[in-house]
Protein backbone atom coordinates (compact mmCIF):
# COMPACT_ATOMS: atom_id res chain seq x y z
CA MET A 1 45.67 1.69 30.62
CA LYS A 2 46.99 3.70 33.73
CA ARG A 3 48.45 0.79 35.25
CA ILE A 4 50.34 0.14 32.22
CA ARG A 5 51.46 3.67 31.86
CA ARG A 6 52.22 4.06 35.32
CA ASN A 7 54.39 0.75 35.48
CA ILE A 8 56.13 0.76 31.90
CA SER A 9 57.35 4.37 32.06
CA PRO A 10 59.46 4.03 35.42
CA LEU A 11 60.86 0.75 34.07
CA ILE A 12 61.90 2.46 30.94
CA LEU A 13 63.52 5.52 32.95
CA ALA A 14 65.45 2.89 35.29
CA GLY A 15 66.37 0.99 32.26
CA LEU A 16 67.64 4.45 30.57
CA GLY A 17 69.56 5.39 34.02
CA VAL A 18 71.00 1.93 34.15
CA TRP A 19 72.26 2.32 30.47
CA PHE A 20 73.42 5.88 31.21
CA LEU A 21 75.48 4.39 34.32
CA LEU A 22 77.05 1.59 31.94
CA LYS A 23 77.79 3.46 28.82
CA LYS A 24 79.54 6.63 29.68
CA ASN A 25 79.73 7.63 26.05
CA ALA A 26 76.18 6.87 25.35
CA SER A 27 75.00 7.70 21.83
CA MET A 28 72.78 10.54 21.70
CA GLU A 29 71.09 9.13 18.60
CA ILE A 30 69.89 5.93 20.57
CA LEU A 31 68.66 8.32 23.54
CA GLY A 32 66.69 10.45 21.02
CA ILE A 33 64.85 7.33 19.46
CA VAL A 34 64.27 5.99 23.00
CA VAL A 35 62.67 9.32 24.07
CA ILE A 36 60.49 9.58 20.96
CA VAL A 37 59.34 5.89 21.49
CA LEU A 38 58.62 6.47 25.18
CA SER A 39 56.73 9.69 24.42
CA GLY A 40 54.79 8.09 21.40
CA LEU A 41 53.65 5.26 23.85
CA GLY A 42 52.67 8.14 26.55
CA ILE A 43 50.45 9.97 23.84
CA VAL A 44 48.96 6.85 22.63
CA LEU A 45 48.16 5.67 26.32
CA ALA A 46 46.75 9.08 27.15
CA VAL A 47 44.65 9.48 24.27
CA THR A 48 43.22 6.01 24.83
CA ASP A 49 42.69 6.18 28.25
CA LYS A 50 38.75 6.53 28.93
CA GLU A 51 39.30 6.87 32.55
CA SER A 52 41.17 10.17 33.07
CA THR A 53 39.72 13.53 32.39
CA LYS A 54 40.02 15.86 29.55
CA ALA A 55 42.88 18.18 31.45
CA SER A 56 44.80 15.09 32.39
CA LYS A 57 44.92 13.83 28.80
CA GLY A 58 45.68 17.25 27.68
CA LEU A 59 48.57 17.61 30.58
CA HIS A 60 50.13 14.15 29.61
CA VAL A 61 49.71 14.55 25.76
CA GLY A 62 51.55 17.93 26.20
CA LEU A 63 54.28 16.64 28.26
CA ASP A 64 54.89 13.72 25.94
CA GLY A 65 54.78 16.13 22.95
CA VAL A 66 57.36 18.14 24.57
CA PHE A 67 59.58 14.83 25.19
CA ALA A 68 59.20 13.98 21.46
CA ALA A 69 60.41 17.35 20.22
CA GLY A 70 63.14 16.89 22.58
CA GLY A 71 64.12 13.37 21.29
CA ALA A 72 63.59 14.80 17.59
CA TRP A 73 66.08 17.80 18.69
CA LEU A 74 68.41 15.16 19.92
CA LEU A 75 68.33 13.33 16.73
CA ILE A 76 68.82 16.42 14.59
CA SER A 77 71.49 18.23 16.58
CA PRO A 78 73.28 16.27 19.21
CA LEU A 79 75.99 18.30 19.88
CA THR A 80 73.78 21.47 20.70
CA PHE A 81 71.47 19.12 22.98
CA THR A 82 74.32 18.04 25.07
CA GLN A 83 75.05 21.67 26.14
CA TYR A 84 71.44 21.64 27.68
CA LEU A 85 71.17 18.28 28.69
CA LYS A 86 71.66 18.54 32.48
CA TYR A 87 68.89 20.97 32.25
CA ILE A 88 66.79 18.93 30.17
CA LEU A 89 67.16 15.64 32.24
CA GLY A 90 66.66 17.65 35.48
CA ALA A 91 63.50 18.98 34.25
CA ILE A 92 62.21 15.67 32.99
CA ILE A 93 62.78 14.07 36.43
CA VAL A 94 61.28 17.05 38.42
CA LEU A 95 58.19 17.30 36.12
CA TYR A 96 58.01 13.37 36.12
CA THR A 97 58.13 12.91 39.79
CA ALA A 98 55.86 16.23 40.45
CA LEU A 99 52.94 14.44 38.35
CA THR A 100 53.57 11.28 40.55
CA LEU A 101 53.33 13.35 43.91
CA ARG A 102 50.55 15.08 42.53
CA ARG A 103 48.74 11.47 41.96
CA MET A 104 49.79 10.49 45.37
CA PHE A 105 48.38 13.32 47.17
CA LYS A 106 45.18 12.71 45.40
CA TYR A 107 44.72 9.42 46.33
CA PRO A 108 45.66 7.41 49.31
CA TYR A 109 49.37 6.53 49.54
CA ARG A 110 51.62 5.83 52.48
CA LYS A 111 53.41 8.52 53.65
CA GLY A 112 56.81 6.96 53.32
CA PHE A 113 56.39 6.56 49.60
CA ARG A 114 55.40 10.51 49.33
CA ILE A 115 58.79 11.18 51.32
CA ALA A 116 60.74 8.78 48.91
CA GLU A 117 59.30 10.32 45.94
CA ALA A 118 60.50 13.71 47.05
CA VAL A 119 64.21 12.35 46.54
CA PRO A 120 64.03 12.22 42.82
CA VAL A 121 62.87 15.62 43.15
CA LEU A 122 66.07 16.79 44.73
CA LEU A 123 68.36 14.71 42.46
CA GLY A 124 66.68 16.46 39.35
CA ILE A 125 67.06 19.90 40.90
CA GLY A 126 70.62 19.09 41.98
CA LEU A 127 71.53 17.83 38.38
CA MET A 128 70.28 20.93 37.04
CA PHE A 129 71.92 23.37 39.42
CA ILE A 130 75.15 21.59 40.66
CA PRO A 131 77.91 22.25 38.29
CA LEU A 132 79.43 18.69 37.51
CA GLY A 133 82.40 17.61 35.32
CA GLU A 134 82.06 15.71 32.30
CA ASP A 135 83.56 12.70 33.94
CA VAL A 136 80.83 12.80 36.70
CA PHE A 137 77.77 13.77 34.93
CA PRO A 138 76.88 10.64 33.17
CA TYR A 139 77.09 8.58 36.47
CA ALA A 140 74.79 11.52 38.31
CA ALA A 141 72.28 11.58 35.43
CA GLY A 142 72.07 7.84 35.16
CA GLY A 143 71.69 7.38 38.96
CA SER A 144 69.05 10.21 39.18
CA LEU A 145 67.20 8.55 36.30
CA ALA A 146 67.40 4.93 37.68
CA ALA A 147 66.26 6.33 41.31
CA THR A 148 63.53 8.24 39.65
CA GLY A 149 62.19 5.01 37.96
CA LEU A 150 62.86 2.72 40.45
CA VAL A 151 61.23 4.98 43.34
CA THR A 152 58.35 5.71 41.00
CA LEU A 153 57.70 1.82 40.45
CA ALA A 154 57.91 0.80 44.08
CA SER A 155 55.58 3.53 44.87
CA ASN A 156 52.95 2.52 42.13
CA LEU A 157 53.35 -1.32 43.23
CA PHE A 158 53.31 -0.89 46.82
CA GLY A 159 52.58 2.59 48.11
CA ARG A 160 48.76 2.88 47.40
CA LYS A 161 46.85 1.98 50.62
CA LYS A 162 44.47 -0.75 50.75
CA ASP A 163 40.75 0.53 50.47
CA PRO A 164 39.24 -0.61 53.96
CA ASN A 165 35.52 -0.79 52.27
CA ALA A 166 36.71 -2.74 49.22
CA LYS A 167 36.64 -6.04 51.78
CA ALA A 168 33.53 -5.11 53.38
CA ALA A 169 31.51 -4.38 50.11
CA PRO A 170 31.51 -8.07 48.87
CA ALA A 171 30.69 -9.55 52.30
CA LYS A 172 27.53 -7.10 52.72
CA LYS A 173 26.41 -8.33 49.36
CA ALA A 174 27.02 -12.10 50.32
CA GLY A 175 25.00 -11.41 53.54
CA SER A 176 21.97 -9.60 51.89
CA VAL A 177 21.46 -12.50 49.30
CA ALA A 178 21.43 -15.16 52.02
């Protein structure tokens, strides 16, 4: 379950970022539906994950609940949502990458991927606090979301260090049986 959540969420973020880049006047209703579906998937995966702790489940369910509320707000009142969109997207990027960085420091990940994961954090902070015009914002938001998804996906697929004991364990079992 963790592998599904760790690989599908970044793909969806990257796809959403590319969609923002291609569609400058992206429909907020479609974005709201995507956010609700993504957060619903996250809640289901967090609840059904037998390996995670209660605190981890609660954190993921709580964050996905906040995202679902944001998606519903986007469907109900897209005009008021767009006023706060830069703060919301920036916060989503920062929280998402902060959770990824937390996992990367908990388990053995390569240093380069940890450093690369800090780039989306800076992009999210920049998205929130750097004043951008209406003509630049969709591209900045799309690029930030796409970069977040792609960096996280690359970290998930290639960043984890190989466990040196994993190869030694089967050899010991084979040697002890003979």
